[in-house]
Amino acid sequence: DPATGNHTPFRGFESLWKTNALLAQALRPFPQYGKDTPNNGLAQMRDYGETSGLSTYHALQIQARKQFSNGLAFLTSYTWSKTLSDAESIFNEFSGFTQDFYNKRAEKSLSLLDFPQNLTLSYQYELPFGPGRKFVNKGGAPGKILGGWMFAGLHQYTSGAPQTINSMNSLDPYFGANNFQTRPNVVPGVPRRSQAYLNGTWDPNAPGAAGSVFNIDAWVNPQVTNRYSLGNAPRTNGDIRRFPYYNEDFSIIKRTQITERVKVEFRADFLNIFNRTVFGFDQGGDQYGNTIQGTVLDWGSGSFGHVTSQGNFPREIQFGLKINY
């Protein structure tokens, strides 16, 4: 284009790219590569193993441990932390959603592994019955029946990971394949949570806005006014996190000494004993890394901000019998 001073980067550029021989492709660092390269539909210049990501982790960790003489023992751990990063993995286009590889400073935000509050409590208590214990300190049938009982538990309470909002509108063919996600622009002053979620009427089974945890009006597509622009939304959003993870496991254990050499252990494990539900956003329901189902530009599908799966396992009860000899 003589008016702008831009020239084709190499001889045969137009014949190679045909209808995609556009200015944006010509300005790429390696304009001969990109989406729809002949004989290699998704050939691009990438370095999947580039060790250029940076992260910082700061935390306050508190731990309390005690074992009493009466058979009670517990361990409690609490972590208050903050994790920042500009990348998440070596395949960052899939799990970290890097928008601009040429401006990594703009990618710095809370990590997808940022869980600011984490409380774990484990305990074990051996009931004071049976031989050598405070009550029913005798052998025979009473000691074997009433002795050897204990229960244990593991409780975990963790904040949700920060949420990533993508516009799902790649600058194709300028950034490559569609798995290079761009981000929308943030609309100042508009709540990011949906009104239904904020006023307590949110229903995960409802269609449209009533079933979304996010407010679609809080973001706009930057390419509506400028096709070649990138959004100003952060890579992750700390104020709209995934649902927190609450879980309690409980076990009942009975140990019986049959003979001097033979011991039998029976146990019943109750995993997620209160049958808590952790809502998930993506197929598979992994609250720690999956993207939200639907996109800012996909509101017509009714999936933006909608819960589509369970992010944990329902209650499970399992029994076990072990013989030691």
C-alpha atoms as a PDB file:
ATOM      1  CA  ASP A   1       0.000   0.000   0.000  1.00  0.00           C
ATOM      2  CA  PRO A   2       1.927   3.092  -1.218  1.00  0.00           C
ATOM      3  CA  ALA A   3      -0.251   5.368   0.923  1.00  0.00           C
ATOM      4  CA  THR A   4       0.906   3.758   4.176  1.00  0.00           C
ATOM      5  CA  GLY A   5       4.309   2.524   3.132  1.00  0.00           C
ATOM      6  CA  ASN A   6       3.463  -1.111   3.859  1.00  0.00           C
ATOM      7  CA  HIS A   7       4.863  -3.701   1.465  1.00  0.00           C
ATOM      8  CA  THR A   8       4.418  -7.421   0.986  1.00  0.00           C
ATOM      9  CA  PRO A   9       6.942  -9.198   3.254  1.00  0.00           C
ATOM     10  CA  PHE A  10       8.190 -11.643   0.613  1.00  0.00           C
ATOM     11  CA  ARG A  11       7.666 -12.594  -3.024  1.00  0.00           C
ATOM     12  CA  GLY A  12       4.674 -14.885  -3.430  1.00  0.00           C
ATOM     13  CA  PHE A  13       2.920 -13.630  -0.297  1.00  0.00           C
ATOM     14  CA  GLU A  14      -0.361 -12.995  -2.138  1.00  0.00           C
ATOM     15  CA  SER A  15      -0.316 -16.313  -3.960  1.00  0.00           C
ATOM     16  CA  LEU A  16       0.452 -18.189  -0.725  1.00  0.00           C
ATOM     17  CA  TRP A  17      -2.228 -16.588   1.409  1.00  0.00           C
ATOM     18  CA  LYS A  18      -4.761 -15.676  -1.308  1.00  0.00           C
ATOM     19  CA  THR A  19      -7.791 -14.096   0.437  1.00  0.00           C
ATOM     20  CA  ASN A  20      -5.937 -14.089   3.766  1.00  0.00           C
ATOM     21  CA  ALA A  21      -3.068 -11.978   2.385  1.00  0.00           C
ATOM     22  CA  LEU A  22      -4.008  -9.136   4.722  1.00  0.00           C
ATOM     23  CA  LEU A  23      -2.000  -6.434   6.433  1.00  0.00           C
ATOM     24  CA  ALA A  24      -2.209  -8.111   9.827  1.00  0.00           C
ATOM     25  CA  GLN A  25      -0.696 -11.308   8.409  1.00  0.00           C
ATOM     26  CA  ALA A  26       2.029  -9.341   6.636  1.00  0.00           C
ATOM     27  CA  LEU A  27       3.013  -7.655   9.911  1.00  0.00           C
ATOM     28  CA  ARG A  28       3.507 -10.931  11.791  1.00  0.00           C
ATOM     29  CA  PRO A  29       7.110 -11.676  12.834  1.00  0.00           C
ATOM     30  CA  PHE A  30       7.030 -14.750  10.581  1.00  0.00           C
ATOM     31  CA  PRO A  31       4.372 -13.936   7.980  1.00  0.00           C
ATOM     32  CA  GLN A  32       4.891 -17.194   6.101  1.00  0.00           C
ATOM     33  CA  TYR A  33       3.362 -19.092   9.039  1.00  0.00           C
ATOM     34  CA  GLY A  34      -0.065 -18.941  10.586  1.00  0.00           C
ATOM     35  CA  LYS A  35      -3.468 -20.488  10.376  1.00  0.00           C
ATOM     36  CA  ASP A  36      -4.385 -22.113   7.038  1.00  0.00           C
ATOM     37  CA  THR A  37      -0.780 -22.495   5.948  1.00  0.00           C
ATOM     38  CA  PRO A  38      -0.833 -24.713   2.843  1.00  0.00           C
ATOM     39  CA  ASN A  39      -0.406 -28.425   3.590  1.00  0.00           C
ATOM     40  CA  ASN A  40      -0.530 -27.773   7.336  1.00  0.00           C
ATOM     41  CA  GLY A  41      -3.838 -26.366   8.455  1.00  0.00           C
ATOM     42  CA  LEU A  42      -2.703 -25.067  11.856  1.00  0.00           C
ATOM     43  CA  ALA A  43       1.027 -24.528  11.342  1.00  0.00           C
ATOM     44  CA  GLN A  44       2.318 -21.641  13.408  1.00  0.00           C
ATOM     45  CA  MET A  45       5.517 -20.431  15.007  1.00  0.00           C
ATOM     46  CA  ARG A  46       5.206 -21.418  18.661  1.00  0.00           C
ATOM     47  CA  ASP A  47       7.442 -22.437  21.518  1.00  0.00           C
ATOM     48  CA  TYR A  48       5.380 -24.572  23.846  1.00  0.00           C
ATOM     49  CA  GLY A  49       8.227 -25.127  26.269  1.00  0.00           C
ATOM     50  CA  GLU A  50       9.377 -21.537  26.625  1.00  0.00           C
ATOM     51  CA  THR A  51      10.311 -20.925  30.261  1.00  0.00           C
ATOM     52  CA  SER A  52       9.368 -17.261  30.352  1.00  0.00           C
ATOM     53  CA  GLY A  53       6.493 -17.309  32.833  1.00  0.00           C
ATOM     54  CA  LEU A  54       6.850 -15.622  36.211  1.00  0.00           C
ATOM     55  CA  SER A  55       4.930 -16.200  39.424  1.00  0.00           C
ATOM     56  CA  THR A  56       5.047 -15.096  43.046  1.00  0.00           C
ATOM     57  CA  TYR A  57       3.560 -16.751  46.112  1.00  0.00           C
ATOM     58  CA  HIS A  58       3.202 -15.149  49.531  1.00  0.00           C
ATOM     59  CA  ALA A  59       1.491 -16.869  52.417  1.00  0.00           C
ATOM     60  CA  LEU A  60       0.868 -16.955  56.135  1.00  0.00           C
ATOM     61  CA  GLN A  61       0.786 -20.555  57.334  1.00  0.00           C
ATOM     62  CA  ILE A  62      -0.389 -21.638  60.783  1.00  0.00           C
ATOM     63  CA  GLN A  63      -0.388 -25.204  62.051  1.00  0.00           C
ATOM     64  CA  ALA A  64      -1.532 -26.715  65.351  1.00  0.00           C
ATOM     65  CA  ARG A  65      -0.823 -30.328  66.281  1.00  0.00           C
ATOM     66  CA  LYS A  66      -1.591 -32.181  69.510  1.00  0.00           C
ATOM     67  CA  GLN A  67      -1.743 -35.786  70.663  1.00  0.00           C
ATOM     68  CA  PHE A  68      -3.411 -36.414  74.011  1.00  0.00           C
ATOM     69  CA  SER A  69      -2.886 -39.384  76.296  1.00  0.00           C
ATOM     70  CA  ASN A  70      -6.585 -40.275  76.193  1.00  0.00           C
ATOM     71  CA  GLY A  71      -6.442 -41.312  72.523  1.00  0.00           C
ATOM     72  CA  LEU A  72      -7.338 -37.989  70.908  1.00  0.00           C
ATOM     73  CA  ALA A  73      -5.080 -36.460  68.266  1.00  0.00           C
ATOM     74  CA  PHE A  74      -5.657 -33.601  65.853  1.00  0.00           C
ATOM     75  CA  LEU A  75      -3.852 -31.561  63.228  1.00  0.00           C
ATOM     76  CA  THR A  76      -5.136 -28.201  61.993  1.00  0.00           C
ATOM     77  CA  SER A  77      -3.557 -26.182  59.183  1.00  0.00           C
ATOM     78  CA  TYR A  78      -4.561 -22.756  57.899  1.00  0.00           C
ATOM     79  CA  THR A  79      -3.071 -20.881  54.950  1.00  0.00           C
ATOM     80  CA  TRP A  80      -3.755 -17.302  53.917  1.00  0.00           C
ATOM     81  CA  SER A  81      -2.021 -16.701  50.602  1.00  0.00           C
ATOM     82  CA  LYS A  82      -1.826 -14.826  47.327  1.00  0.00           C
ATOM     83  CA  THR A  83      -0.434 -16.184  44.063  1.00  0.00           C
ATOM     84  CA  LEU A  84       0.309 -13.976  41.047  1.00  0.00           C
ATOM     85  CA  SER A  85       1.473 -15.149  37.641  1.00  0.00           C
ATOM     86  CA  ASP A  86       1.594 -14.196  33.975  1.00  0.00           C
ATOM     87  CA  ALA A  87       1.281 -17.789  32.742  1.00  0.00           C
ATOM     88  CA  GLU A  88      -0.107 -21.076  34.000  1.00  0.00           C
ATOM     89  CA  SER A  89       1.563 -23.905  32.083  1.00  0.00           C
ATOM     90  CA  ILE A  90       3.731 -24.718  29.082  1.00  0.00           C
ATOM     91  CA  PHE A  91       0.498 -25.057  27.080  1.00  0.00           C
ATOM     92  CA  ASN A  92      -0.650 -21.634  28.143  1.00  0.00           C
ATOM     93  CA  GLU A  93      -3.055 -21.141  25.272  1.00  0.00           C
ATOM     94  CA  PHE A  94      -5.248 -23.866  26.751  1.00  0.00           C
ATOM     95  CA  SER A  95      -4.963 -23.371  30.507  1.00  0.00           C
ATOM     96  CA  GLY A  96      -3.651 -19.859  31.051  1.00  0.00           C
ATOM     97  CA  PHE A  97      -5.438 -17.887  28.350  1.00  0.00           C
ATOM     98  CA  THR A  98      -2.580 -15.624  27.374  1.00  0.00           C
ATOM     99  CA  GLN A  99      -3.977 -12.878  25.191  1.00  0.00           C
ATOM    100  CA  ASP A 100      -0.841 -11.057  24.066  1.00  0.00           C
ATOM    101  CA  PHE A 101       2.408 -13.010  23.951  1.00  0.00           C
ATOM    102  CA  TYR A 102       4.270  -9.801  23.098  1.00  0.00           C
ATOM    103  CA  ASN A 103       3.147  -7.990  26.250  1.00  0.00           C
ATOM    104  CA  LYS A 104       3.503 -10.405  29.140  1.00  0.00           C
ATOM    105  CA  ARG A 105       3.261  -7.560  31.659  1.00  0.00           C
ATOM    106  CA  ALA A 106      -0.390  -7.173  30.718  1.00  0.00           C
ATOM    107  CA  GLU A 107      -0.932 -10.854  31.548  1.00  0.00           C
ATOM    108  CA  LYS A 108       0.075 -10.544  35.204  1.00  0.00           C
ATOM    109  CA  SER A 109      -2.882 -11.276  37.447  1.00  0.00           C
ATOM    110  CA  LEU A 110      -4.030 -13.695  40.090  1.00  0.00           C
ATOM    111  CA  SER A 111      -3.048 -17.225  39.228  1.00  0.00           C
ATOM    112  CA  LEU A 112      -5.626 -19.904  38.542  1.00  0.00           C
ATOM    113  CA  LEU A 113      -3.969 -21.611  41.512  1.00  0.00           C
ATOM    114  CA  ASP A 114      -4.754 -18.711  43.849  1.00  0.00           C
ATOM    115  CA  PHE A 115      -6.805 -19.987  46.790  1.00  0.00           C
ATOM    116  CA  PRO A 116      -6.473 -17.236  49.419  1.00  0.00           C
ATOM    117  CA  GLN A 117      -8.117 -19.145  52.265  1.00  0.00           C
ATOM    118  CA  ASN A 118      -7.451 -22.807  52.990  1.00  0.00           C
ATOM    119  CA  LEU A 119      -8.368 -24.563  56.238  1.00  0.00           C
ATOM    120  CA  THR A 120      -7.732 -28.268  56.834  1.00  0.00           C
ATOM    121  CA  LEU A 121      -8.679 -30.140  59.998  1.00  0.00           C
ATOM    122  CA  SER A 122      -7.890 -33.794  60.681  1.00  0.00           C
ATOM    123  CA  TYR A 123      -8.544 -35.688  63.894  1.00  0.00           C
ATOM    124  CA  GLN A 124      -8.624 -39.176  65.352  1.00  0.00           C
ATOM    125  CA  TYR A 125     -10.153 -40.423  68.594  1.00  0.00           C
ATOM    126  CA  GLU A 126      -9.893 -43.889  70.101  1.00  0.00           C
ATOM    127  CA  LEU A 127     -12.845 -44.631  72.382  1.00  0.00           C
ATOM    128  CA  PRO A 128     -11.835 -45.447  75.995  1.00  0.00           C
ATOM    129  CA  PHE A 129     -13.239 -48.980  76.034  1.00  0.00           C
ATOM    130  CA  GLY A 130     -11.553 -52.360  76.040  1.00  0.00           C
ATOM    131  CA  PRO A 131      -8.310 -53.872  77.322  1.00  0.00           C
ATOM    132  CA  GLY A 132      -5.884 -51.263  78.599  1.00  0.00           C
ATOM    133  CA  ARG A 133      -8.492 -48.502  78.415  1.00  0.00           C
ATOM    134  CA  LYS A 134     -10.385 -46.588  81.080  1.00  0.00           C
ATOM    135  CA  PHE A 135     -13.654 -48.471  80.709  1.00  0.00           C
ATOM    136  CA  VAL A 136     -14.363 -52.194  80.229  1.00  0.00           C
ATOM    137  CA  ASN A 137     -10.707 -52.896  80.905  1.00  0.00           C
ATOM    138  CA  LYS A 138     -11.024 -56.629  80.544  1.00  0.00           C
ATOM    139  CA  GLY A 139     -10.505 -59.380  78.017  1.00  0.00           C
ATOM    140  CA  GLY A 140     -12.943 -61.919  76.697  1.00  0.00           C
ATOM    141  CA  ALA A 141     -16.019 -61.178  74.645  1.00  0.00           C
ATOM    142  CA  PRO A 142     -16.894 -57.800  76.280  1.00  0.00           C
ATOM    143  CA  GLY A 143     -13.416 -56.447  75.617  1.00  0.00           C
ATOM    144  CA  LYS A 144     -13.387 -57.660  72.011  1.00  0.00           C
ATOM    145  CA  ILE A 145     -16.848 -56.242  71.284  1.00  0.00           C
ATOM    146  CA  LEU A 146     -16.556 -52.879  73.022  1.00  0.00           C
ATOM    147  CA  GLY A 147     -12.825 -52.290  72.571  1.00  0.00           C
ATOM    148  CA  GLY A 148     -10.872 -51.162  69.538  1.00  0.00           C
ATOM    149  CA  TRP A 149     -13.378 -48.564  68.290  1.00  0.00           C
ATOM    150  CA  MET A 150     -12.120 -45.296  66.905  1.00  0.00           C
ATOM    151  CA  PHE A 151     -13.283 -42.573  64.548  1.00  0.00           C
ATOM    152  CA  ALA A 152     -11.383 -40.159  62.345  1.00  0.00           C
ATOM    153  CA  GLY A 153     -12.208 -37.203  60.152  1.00  0.00           C
ATOM    154  CA  LEU A 154     -10.744 -34.908  57.537  1.00  0.00           C
ATOM    155  CA  HIS A 155     -12.352 -31.533  56.804  1.00  0.00           C
ATOM    156  CA  GLN A 156     -11.239 -29.114  54.090  1.00  0.00           C
ATOM    157  CA  TYR A 157     -12.525 -25.618  53.329  1.00  0.00           C
ATOM    158  CA  THR A 158     -10.936 -23.736  50.415  1.00  0.00           C
ATOM    159  CA  SER A 159     -11.697 -20.504  48.572  1.00  0.00           C
ATOM    160  CA  GLY A 160     -12.653 -20.723  44.928  1.00  0.00           C
ATOM    161  CA  ALA A 161     -10.112 -20.022  42.210  1.00  0.00           C
ATOM    162  CA  PRO A 162     -10.345 -16.726  40.266  1.00  0.00           C
ATOM    163  CA  GLN A 163     -12.508 -16.837  37.176  1.00  0.00           C
ATOM    164  CA  THR A 164     -11.340 -16.292  33.618  1.00  0.00           C
ATOM    165  CA  ILE A 165     -13.688 -14.542  31.185  1.00  0.00           C
ATOM    166  CA  ASN A 166     -12.863 -14.925  27.491  1.00  0.00           C
ATOM    167  CA  SER A 167     -14.494 -13.273  24.530  1.00  0.00           C
ATOM    168  CA  MET A 168     -13.905 -16.376  22.378  1.00  0.00           C
ATOM    169  CA  ASN A 169     -13.225 -14.007  19.479  1.00  0.00           C
ATOM    170  CA  SER A 170      -9.718 -14.680  18.263  1.00  0.00           C
ATOM    171  CA  LEU A 171      -8.048 -12.220  15.942  1.00  0.00           C
ATOM    172  CA  ASP A 172      -8.156 -14.931  13.296  1.00  0.00           C
ATOM    173  CA  PRO A 173      -6.127 -15.315  11.186  1.00  0.00           C
ATOM    174  CA  TYR A 174      -3.736 -12.880  12.822  1.00  0.00           C
ATOM    175  CA  PHE A 175      -3.098 -14.685  16.114  1.00  0.00           C
ATOM    176  CA  GLY A 176      -3.570 -18.186  14.743  1.00  0.00           C
ATOM    177  CA  ALA A 177      -6.110 -20.850  15.633  1.00  0.00           C
ATOM    178  CA  ASN A 178      -9.219 -20.256  17.704  1.00  0.00           C
ATOM    179  CA  ASN A 179      -7.670 -21.631  20.885  1.00  0.00           C
ATOM    180  CA  PHE A 180      -5.829 -18.332  21.253  1.00  0.00           C
ATOM    181  CA  GLN A 181      -8.455 -16.548  23.312  1.00  0.00           C
ATOM    182  CA  THR A 182      -8.913 -12.829  23.558  1.00  0.00           C
ATOM    183  CA  ARG A 183     -10.560 -11.046  26.431  1.00  0.00           C
ATOM    184  CA  PRO A 184     -13.372  -8.502  26.477  1.00  0.00           C
ATOM    185  CA  ASN A 185     -13.354  -4.919  27.687  1.00  0.00           C
ATOM    186  CA  VAL A 186     -14.620  -4.257  31.204  1.00  0.00           C
ATOM    187  CA  VAL A 187     -17.582  -1.877  31.511  1.00  0.00           C
ATOM    188  CA  PRO A 188     -16.790   0.419  34.475  1.00  0.00           C
ATOM    189  CA  GLY A 189     -19.324   0.583  37.286  1.00  0.00           C
ATOM    190  CA  VAL A 190     -21.350  -2.447  36.205  1.00  0.00           C
ATOM    191  CA  PRO A 191     -21.523  -5.361  38.693  1.00  0.00           C
ATOM    192  CA  ARG A 192     -19.924  -8.501  37.329  1.00  0.00           C
ATOM    193  CA  ARG A 193     -22.240 -10.783  39.248  1.00  0.00           C
ATOM    194  CA  SER A 194     -25.758 -11.174  37.899  1.00  0.00           C
ATOM    195  CA  GLN A 195     -28.635  -9.453  39.655  1.00  0.00           C
ATOM    196  CA  ALA A 196     -30.217 -12.817  40.390  1.00  0.00           C
ATOM    197  CA  TYR A 197     -27.044 -13.989  42.106  1.00  0.00           C
ATOM    198  CA  LEU A 198     -26.678 -10.775  44.115  1.00  0.00           C
ATOM    199  CA  ASN A 199     -30.268 -10.688  45.400  1.00  0.00           C
ATOM    200  CA  GLY A 200     -30.368 -14.381  46.268  1.00  0.00           C
ATOM    201  CA  THR A 201     -32.833 -15.511  43.586  1.00  0.00           C
ATOM    202  CA  TRP A 202     -30.250 -17.287  41.430  1.00  0.00           C
ATOM    203  CA  ASP A 203     -31.483 -20.656  40.210  1.00  0.00           C
ATOM    204  CA  PRO A 204     -28.877 -22.886  38.501  1.00  0.00           C
ATOM    205  CA  ASN A 205     -31.681 -24.619  36.607  1.00  0.00           C
ATOM    206  CA  ALA A 206     -33.215 -21.426  35.235  1.00  0.00           C
ATOM    207  CA  PRO A 207     -32.582 -20.325  31.635  1.00  0.00           C
ATOM    208  CA  GLY A 208     -31.121 -16.997  30.567  1.00  0.00           C
ATOM    209  CA  ALA A 209     -30.069 -14.320  33.043  1.00  0.00           C
ATOM    210  CA  ALA A 210     -31.879 -15.933  35.980  1.00  0.00           C
ATOM    211  CA  GLY A 211     -29.581 -18.946  35.753  1.00  0.00           C
ATOM    212  CA  SER A 212     -26.313 -17.081  35.203  1.00  0.00           C
ATOM    213  CA  VAL A 213     -23.944 -16.118  37.991  1.00  0.00           C
ATOM    214  CA  PHE A 214     -22.405 -13.378  35.825  1.00  0.00           C
ATOM    215  CA  ASN A 215     -23.769 -10.165  34.382  1.00  0.00           C
ATOM    216  CA  ILE A 216     -23.347 -10.196  30.607  1.00  0.00           C
ATOM    217  CA  ASP A 217     -23.503  -6.376  30.534  1.00  0.00           C
ATOM    218  CA  ALA A 218     -20.292  -6.101  32.574  1.00  0.00           C
ATOM    219  CA  TRP A 219     -18.179  -6.809  29.462  1.00  0.00           C
ATOM    220  CA  VAL A 220     -18.208  -5.766  25.826  1.00  0.00           C
ATOM    221  CA  ASN A 221     -16.393  -7.115  22.813  1.00  0.00           C
ATOM    222  CA  PRO A 222     -13.525  -4.734  21.928  1.00  0.00           C
ATOM    223  CA  GLN A 223     -13.538  -5.863  18.312  1.00  0.00           C
ATOM    224  CA  VAL A 224     -16.992  -4.467  17.669  1.00  0.00           C
ATOM    225  CA  THR A 225     -15.477  -1.000  17.258  1.00  0.00           C
ATOM    226  CA  ASN A 226     -11.911  -2.037  16.414  1.00  0.00           C
ATOM    227  CA  ARG A 227     -11.307  -5.447  14.918  1.00  0.00           C
ATOM    228  CA  TYR A 228      -7.614  -5.400  15.728  1.00  0.00           C
ATOM    229  CA  SER A 229      -7.832  -4.434  19.407  1.00  0.00           C
ATOM    230  CA  LEU A 230      -7.358  -6.519  22.531  1.00  0.00           C
ATOM    231  CA  GLY A 231      -9.595  -6.364  25.572  1.00  0.00           C
ATOM    232  CA  ASN A 232      -8.588  -4.701  28.828  1.00  0.00           C
ATOM    233  CA  ALA A 233     -10.122  -7.336  31.112  1.00  0.00           C
ATOM    234  CA  PRO A 234      -7.573  -9.018  33.392  1.00  0.00           C
ATOM    235  CA  ARG A 235      -6.492 -12.559  32.658  1.00  0.00           C
ATOM    236  CA  THR A 236      -8.240 -13.694  35.843  1.00  0.00           C
ATOM    237  CA  ASN A 237     -10.829 -11.978  38.007  1.00  0.00           C
ATOM    238  CA  GLY A 238     -10.407 -12.155  41.769  1.00  0.00           C
ATOM    239  CA  ASP A 239     -13.781 -10.578  42.488  1.00  0.00           C
ATOM    240  CA  ILE A 240     -15.697 -13.289  40.615  1.00  0.00           C
ATOM    241  CA  ARG A 241     -14.267 -16.546  41.817  1.00  0.00           C
ATOM    242  CA  ARG A 242     -15.396 -20.080  41.271  1.00  0.00           C
ATOM    243  CA  PHE A 243     -17.482 -21.656  43.986  1.00  0.00           C
ATOM    244  CA  PRO A 244     -15.574 -22.503  47.183  1.00  0.00           C
ATOM    245  CA  TYR A 245     -14.750 -26.095  48.033  1.00  0.00           C
ATOM    246  CA  TYR A 246     -16.182 -27.513  51.262  1.00  0.00           C
ATOM    247  CA  ASN A 247     -15.745 -31.178  52.119  1.00  0.00           C
ATOM    248  CA  GLU A 248     -15.928 -33.442  55.157  1.00  0.00           C
ATOM    249  CA  ASP A 249     -14.810 -37.085  55.277  1.00  0.00           C
ATOM    250  CA  PHE A 250     -15.518 -39.303  58.270  1.00  0.00           C
ATOM    251  CA  SER A 251     -14.412 -42.831  59.166  1.00  0.00           C
ATOM    252  CA  ILE A 252     -15.438 -45.401  61.789  1.00  0.00           C
ATOM    253  CA  ILE A 253     -12.826 -48.063  62.510  1.00  0.00           C
ATOM    254  CA  LYS A 254     -13.012 -51.239  64.615  1.00  0.00           C
ATOM    255  CA  ARG A 255      -9.867 -53.214  65.398  1.00  0.00           C
ATOM    256  CA  THR A 256     -10.184 -56.617  67.027  1.00  0.00           C
ATOM    257  CA  GLN A 257      -7.340 -58.790  68.271  1.00  0.00           C
ATOM    258  CA  ILE A 258      -8.482 -62.345  67.456  1.00  0.00           C
ATOM    259  CA  THR A 259      -5.347 -64.171  68.512  1.00  0.00           C
ATOM    260  CA  GLU A 260      -1.814 -63.156  69.372  1.00  0.00           C
ATOM    261  CA  ARG A 261      -0.931 -63.072  65.671  1.00  0.00           C
ATOM    262  CA  VAL A 262      -4.252 -62.316  63.982  1.00  0.00           C
ATOM    263  CA  LYS A 263      -5.918 -58.894  64.027  1.00  0.00           C
ATOM    264  CA  VAL A 264      -9.022 -57.876  62.080  1.00  0.00           C
ATOM    265  CA  GLU A 265      -9.798 -54.299  61.083  1.00  0.00           C
ATOM    266  CA  PHE A 266     -13.194 -53.196  59.813  1.00  0.00           C
ATOM    267  CA  ARG A 267     -13.791 -49.660  58.612  1.00  0.00           C
ATOM    268  CA  ALA A 268     -16.597 -47.599  57.157  1.00  0.00           C
ATOM    269  CA  ASP A 269     -15.591 -44.454  55.246  1.00  0.00           C
ATOM    270  CA  PHE A 270     -18.068 -41.680  54.516  1.00  0.00           C
ATOM    271  CA  LEU A 271     -16.635 -39.417  51.807  1.00  0.00           C
ATOM    272  CA  ASN A 272     -18.391 -36.049  51.535  1.00  0.00           C
ATOM    273  CA  ILE A 273     -20.543 -37.175  54.452  1.00  0.00           C
ATOM    274  CA  PHE A 274     -22.853 -34.132  54.281  1.00  0.00           C
ATOM    275  CA  ASN A 275     -23.266 -34.564  50.518  1.00  0.00           C
ATOM    276  CA  ARG A 276     -22.227 -31.006  49.744  1.00  0.00           C
ATOM    277  CA  THR A 277     -22.472 -29.809  46.157  1.00  0.00           C
ATOM    278  CA  VAL A 278     -19.731 -27.715  44.577  1.00  0.00           C
ATOM    279  CA  PHE A 279     -21.029 -26.269  41.329  1.00  0.00           C
ATOM    280  CA  GLY A 280     -18.837 -26.566  38.251  1.00  0.00           C
ATOM    281  CA  PHE A 281     -18.755 -24.583  35.016  1.00  0.00           C
ATOM    282  CA  ASP A 282     -17.327 -26.913  32.426  1.00  0.00           C
ATOM    283  CA  GLN A 283     -17.727 -30.494  31.324  1.00  0.00           C
ATOM    284  CA  GLY A 284     -15.961 -32.496  33.990  1.00  0.00           C
ATOM    285  CA  GLY A 285     -16.640 -29.836  36.613  1.00  0.00           C
ATOM    286  CA  ASP A 286     -13.073 -29.113  37.652  1.00  0.00           C
ATOM    287  CA  GLN A 287     -13.241 -25.919  39.686  1.00  0.00           C
ATOM    288  CA  TYR A 288      -9.466 -25.517  39.635  1.00  0.00           C
ATOM    289  CA  GLY A 289      -8.726 -25.036  35.960  1.00  0.00           C
ATOM    290  CA  ASN A 290     -11.593 -25.367  33.560  1.00  0.00           C
ATOM    291  CA  THR A 291     -12.980 -22.370  31.731  1.00  0.00           C
ATOM    292  CA  ILE A 292     -16.517 -21.185  32.081  1.00  0.00           C
ATOM    293  CA  GLN A 293     -19.038 -22.811  29.779  1.00  0.00           C
ATOM    294  CA  GLY A 294     -20.153 -20.295  27.155  1.00  0.00           C
ATOM    295  CA  THR A 295     -18.707 -16.941  26.226  1.00  0.00           C
ATOM    296  CA  VAL A 296     -19.388 -13.247  26.295  1.00  0.00           C
ATOM    297  CA  LEU A 297     -20.330 -13.483  22.636  1.00  0.00           C
ATOM    298  CA  ASP A 298     -22.356 -16.638  23.161  1.00  0.00           C
ATOM    299  CA  TRP A 299     -25.212 -15.261  25.222  1.00  0.00           C
ATOM    300  CA  GLY A 300     -27.688 -16.465  22.630  1.00  0.00           C
ATOM    301  CA  SER A 301     -26.825 -20.048  23.558  1.00  0.00           C
ATOM    302  CA  GLY A 302     -27.952 -19.387  27.117  1.00  0.00           C
ATOM    303  CA  SER A 303     -24.767 -20.923  28.527  1.00  0.00           C
ATOM    304  CA  PHE A 304     -22.787 -17.891  29.660  1.00  0.00           C
ATOM    305  CA  GLY A 305     -22.283 -18.041  33.417  1.00  0.00           C
ATOM    306  CA  HIS A 306     -24.396 -21.170  33.777  1.00  0.00           C
ATOM    307  CA  VAL A 307     -23.498 -24.098  35.979  1.00  0.00           C
ATOM    308  CA  THR A 308     -23.232 -27.176  33.789  1.00  0.00           C
ATOM    309  CA  SER A 309     -21.820 -29.815  36.111  1.00  0.00           C
ATOM    310  CA  GLN A 310     -20.853 -30.731  39.637  1.00  0.00           C
ATOM    311  CA  GLY A 311     -17.341 -29.748  40.654  1.00  0.00           C
ATOM    312  CA  ASN A 312     -16.963 -32.460  43.289  1.00  0.00           C
ATOM    313  CA  PHE A 313     -18.125 -36.004  43.927  1.00  0.00           C
ATOM    314  CA  PRO A 314     -21.420 -36.799  45.665  1.00  0.00           C
ATOM    315  CA  ARG A 315     -21.437 -38.631  48.975  1.00  0.00           C
ATOM    316  CA  GLU A 316     -19.795 -42.025  48.819  1.00  0.00           C
ATOM    317  CA  ILE A 317     -19.853 -44.736  51.490  1.00  0.00           C
ATOM    318  CA  GLN A 318     -17.377 -47.574  51.348  1.00  0.00           C
ATOM    319  CA  PHE A 319     -16.635 -50.500  53.647  1.00  0.00           C
ATOM    320  CA  GLY A 320     -13.396 -52.372  54.100  1.00  0.00           C
ATOM    321  CA  LEU A 321     -12.186 -55.446  55.967  1.00  0.00           C
ATOM    322  CA  LYS A 322      -8.512 -56.145  56.568  1.00  0.00           C
ATOM    323  CA  ILE A 323      -6.941 -59.164  58.241  1.00  0.00           C
ATOM    324  CA  ASN A 324      -3.413 -58.857  59.605  1.00  0.00           C
ATOM    325  CA  TYR A 325      -1.506 -61.988  60.560  1.00  0.00           C
END
